Amino acid sequence: MAKEEHNKAAEHHEHAAKAHRSAAEHHGKGDHAKGQEHAASAKQHSQTAHTHSDQAHAKSQQQK
């Protein structure tokens, strides 16, 4: 169902945003290793969100 995919995408976008904020905070404090860790997590969540967005779009197109 497209709604489920949209919800999954939104959830991963929220996780990505949180990880980006954490990365920025750690980089600002000079903890670059932890900042890189959070940045990698943000990237993964962003990519997963993109995948779910594509799936939601495809399912929406099928329902027309």
N, C-alpha and C. Protein backbone atom coordinates (compact mmCIF):
# COMPACT_ATOMS: atom_id res chain seq x y z
N MET A 1 0.85 -1.18 0.00
CA MET A 1 0.00 0.00 0.00
C MET A 1 0.89 1.24 0.00
N ALA A 2 0.55 2.23 -0.80
CA ALA A 2 1.37 3.43 -0.95
C ALA A 2 1.49 4.21 0.36
N LYS A 3 0.42 4.24 1.14
CA LYS A 3 0.46 5.00 2.40
C LYS A 3 1.55 4.47 3.33
N GLU A 4 1.69 3.15 3.40
CA GLU A 4 2.72 2.56 4.25
C GLU A 4 4.12 2.98 3.80
N GLU A 5 4.33 2.99 2.48
CA GLU A 5 5.63 3.40 1.95
C GLU A 5 5.91 4.87 2.25
N HIS A 6 4.87 5.70 2.12
CA HIS A 6 5.03 7.13 2.44
C HIS A 6 5.39 7.29 3.91
N ASN A 7 4.73 6.54 4.78
CA ASN A 7 5.03 6.61 6.21
C ASN A 7 6.45 6.15 6.51
N LYS A 8 6.89 5.08 5.86
CA LYS A 8 8.26 4.60 6.05
C LYS A 8 9.25 5.65 5.58
N ALA A 9 8.98 6.26 4.44
CA ALA A 9 9.86 7.30 3.91
C ALA A 9 9.95 8.46 4.89
N ALA A 10 8.80 8.89 5.40
CA ALA A 10 8.78 10.01 6.34
C ALA A 10 9.56 9.68 7.61
N GLU A 11 9.41 8.45 8.09
CA GLU A 11 10.14 8.03 9.29
C GLU A 11 11.65 8.09 9.06
N HIS A 12 12.09 7.61 7.91
CA HIS A 12 13.53 7.64 7.63
C HIS A 12 14.03 9.06 7.40
N HIS A 13 13.21 9.92 6.81
CA HIS A 13 13.59 11.33 6.66
C HIS A 13 13.79 11.96 8.04
N GLU A 14 12.91 11.64 8.98
CA GLU A 14 13.03 12.17 10.34
C GLU A 14 14.29 11.66 11.02
N HIS A 15 14.59 10.37 10.83
CA HIS A 15 15.81 9.81 11.42
C HIS A 15 17.05 10.45 10.79
N ALA A 16 17.00 10.69 9.49
CA ALA A 16 18.13 11.32 8.80
C ALA A 16 18.36 12.73 9.33
N ALA A 17 17.28 13.47 9.51
CA ALA A 17 17.40 14.84 10.02
C ALA A 17 18.01 14.84 11.42
N LYS A 18 17.55 13.93 12.26
CA LYS A 18 18.10 13.84 13.62
C LYS A 18 19.59 13.50 13.59
N ALA A 19 19.96 12.57 12.73
CA ALA A 19 21.37 12.19 12.62
C ALA A 19 22.21 13.34 12.08
N HIS A 20 21.67 14.11 11.13
CA HIS A 20 22.39 15.28 10.60
C HIS A 20 22.63 16.31 11.72
N ARG A 21 21.59 16.55 12.54
CA ARG A 21 21.75 17.49 13.64
C ARG A 21 22.80 17.00 14.64
N SER A 22 22.79 15.70 14.92
CA SER A 22 23.79 15.13 15.83
C SER A 22 25.19 15.24 15.24
N ALA A 23 25.31 14.99 13.95
CA ALA A 23 26.61 15.11 13.29
C ALA A 23 27.13 16.54 13.39
N ALA A 24 26.26 17.50 13.13
CA ALA A 24 26.67 18.91 13.20
C ALA A 24 27.10 19.28 14.62
N GLU A 25 26.36 18.80 15.60
CA GLU A 25 26.68 19.09 16.99
C GLU A 25 28.06 18.52 17.36
N HIS A 26 28.30 17.28 16.99
CA HIS A 26 29.57 16.64 17.33
C HIS A 26 30.74 17.30 16.58
N HIS A 27 30.53 17.63 15.31
CA HIS A 27 31.58 18.33 14.56
C HIS A 27 31.88 19.69 15.20
N GLY A 28 30.82 20.37 15.64
CA GLY A 28 30.99 21.66 16.29
C GLY A 28 31.78 21.58 17.58
N LYS A 29 31.70 20.44 18.24
CA LYS A 29 32.44 20.24 19.49
C LYS A 29 33.83 19.66 19.25
N GLY A 30 34.15 19.44 17.98
CA GLY A 30 35.47 18.89 17.65
C GLY A 30 35.55 17.38 17.71
N ASP A 31 34.43 16.72 17.95
CA ASP A 31 34.41 15.25 18.00
C ASP A 31 34.08 14.74 16.60
N HIS A 32 35.09 14.79 15.74
CA HIS A 32 34.88 14.48 14.33
C HIS A 32 34.59 13.00 14.08
N ALA A 33 35.13 12.12 14.88
CA ALA A 33 34.86 10.69 14.69
C ALA A 33 33.37 10.40 14.92
N LYS A 34 32.83 10.94 16.00
CA LYS A 34 31.41 10.75 16.29
C LYS A 34 30.56 11.48 15.25
N GLY A 35 31.03 12.63 14.81
CA GLY A 35 30.31 13.37 13.76
C GLY A 35 30.24 12.58 12.48
N GLN A 36 31.32 11.92 12.12
CA GLN A 36 31.34 11.10 10.91
C GLN A 36 30.39 9.91 11.05
N GLU A 37 30.35 9.35 12.24
CA GLU A 37 29.45 8.22 12.50
C GLU A 37 27.99 8.64 12.28
N HIS A 38 27.63 9.79 12.82
CA HIS A 38 26.26 10.29 12.66
C HIS A 38 25.98 10.69 11.22
N ALA A 39 26.97 11.23 10.54
CA ALA A 39 26.80 11.60 9.14
C ALA A 39 26.55 10.36 8.28
N ALA A 40 27.27 9.28 8.57
CA ALA A 40 27.06 8.03 7.84
C ALA A 40 25.66 7.48 8.09
N SER A 41 25.21 7.58 9.33
CA SER A 41 23.86 7.14 9.66
C SER A 41 22.82 7.98 8.92
N ALA A 42 23.05 9.27 8.87
CA ALA A 42 22.14 10.17 8.16
C ALA A 42 22.06 9.81 6.68
N LYS A 43 23.20 9.51 6.10
CA LYS A 43 23.24 9.15 4.68
C LYS A 43 22.45 7.88 4.44
N GLN A 44 22.61 6.88 5.31
CA GLN A 44 21.89 5.62 5.15
C GLN A 44 20.38 5.83 5.28
N HIS A 45 19.97 6.61 6.26
CA HIS A 45 18.54 6.87 6.43
C HIS A 45 17.99 7.65 5.22
N SER A 46 18.77 8.57 4.71
CA SER A 46 18.34 9.34 3.55
C SER A 46 18.16 8.44 2.33
N GLN A 47 19.10 7.54 2.12
CA GLN A 47 19.01 6.62 0.99
C GLN A 47 17.81 5.69 1.14
N THR A 48 17.57 5.22 2.36
CA THR A 48 16.43 4.34 2.61
C THR A 48 15.12 5.11 2.39
N ALA A 49 15.08 6.35 2.83
CA ALA A 49 13.89 7.18 2.62
C ALA A 49 13.62 7.36 1.12
N HIS A 50 14.68 7.57 0.38
CA HIS A 50 14.55 7.73 -1.07
C HIS A 50 13.95 6.47 -1.71
N THR A 51 14.43 5.32 -1.28
CA THR A 51 13.92 4.04 -1.79
C THR A 51 12.43 3.91 -1.49
N HIS A 52 12.04 4.21 -0.26
CA HIS A 52 10.62 4.10 0.11
C HIS A 52 9.79 5.14 -0.65
N SER A 53 10.34 6.31 -0.90
CA SER A 53 9.62 7.32 -1.68
C SER A 53 9.38 6.83 -3.10
N ASP A 54 10.41 6.23 -3.70
CA ASP A 54 10.25 5.68 -5.05
C ASP A 54 9.19 4.58 -5.07
N GLN A 55 9.21 3.71 -4.07
CA GLN A 55 8.23 2.63 -4.00
C GLN A 55 6.82 3.18 -3.81
N ALA A 56 6.69 4.20 -2.98
CA ALA A 56 5.37 4.82 -2.77
C ALA A 56 4.85 5.44 -4.05
N HIS A 57 5.75 6.10 -4.76
CA HIS A 57 5.35 6.73 -6.03
C HIS A 57 4.90 5.66 -7.03
N ALA A 58 5.66 4.58 -7.12
CA ALA A 58 5.30 3.51 -8.06
C ALA A 58 3.94 2.89 -7.69
N LYS A 59 3.72 2.67 -6.40
CA LYS A 59 2.45 2.09 -5.97
C LYS A 59 1.29 3.06 -6.23
N SER A 60 1.53 4.34 -6.06
CA SER A 60 0.50 5.34 -6.32
C SER A 60 0.13 5.35 -7.80
N GLN A 61 1.13 5.19 -8.64
CA GLN A 61 0.88 5.18 -10.09
C GLN A 61 0.09 3.94 -10.50
N GLN A 62 0.32 2.82 -9.82
CA GLN A 62 -0.40 1.58 -10.13
C GLN A 62 -1.87 1.68 -9.75
N GLN A 63 -2.18 2.48 -8.76
CA GLN A 63 -3.55 2.59 -8.26
C GLN A 63 -4.42 3.47 -9.15
N LYS A 64 -3.80 4.18 -10.07
CA LYS A 64 -4.58 5.07 -10.95
C LYS A 64 -5.30 4.29 -12.03
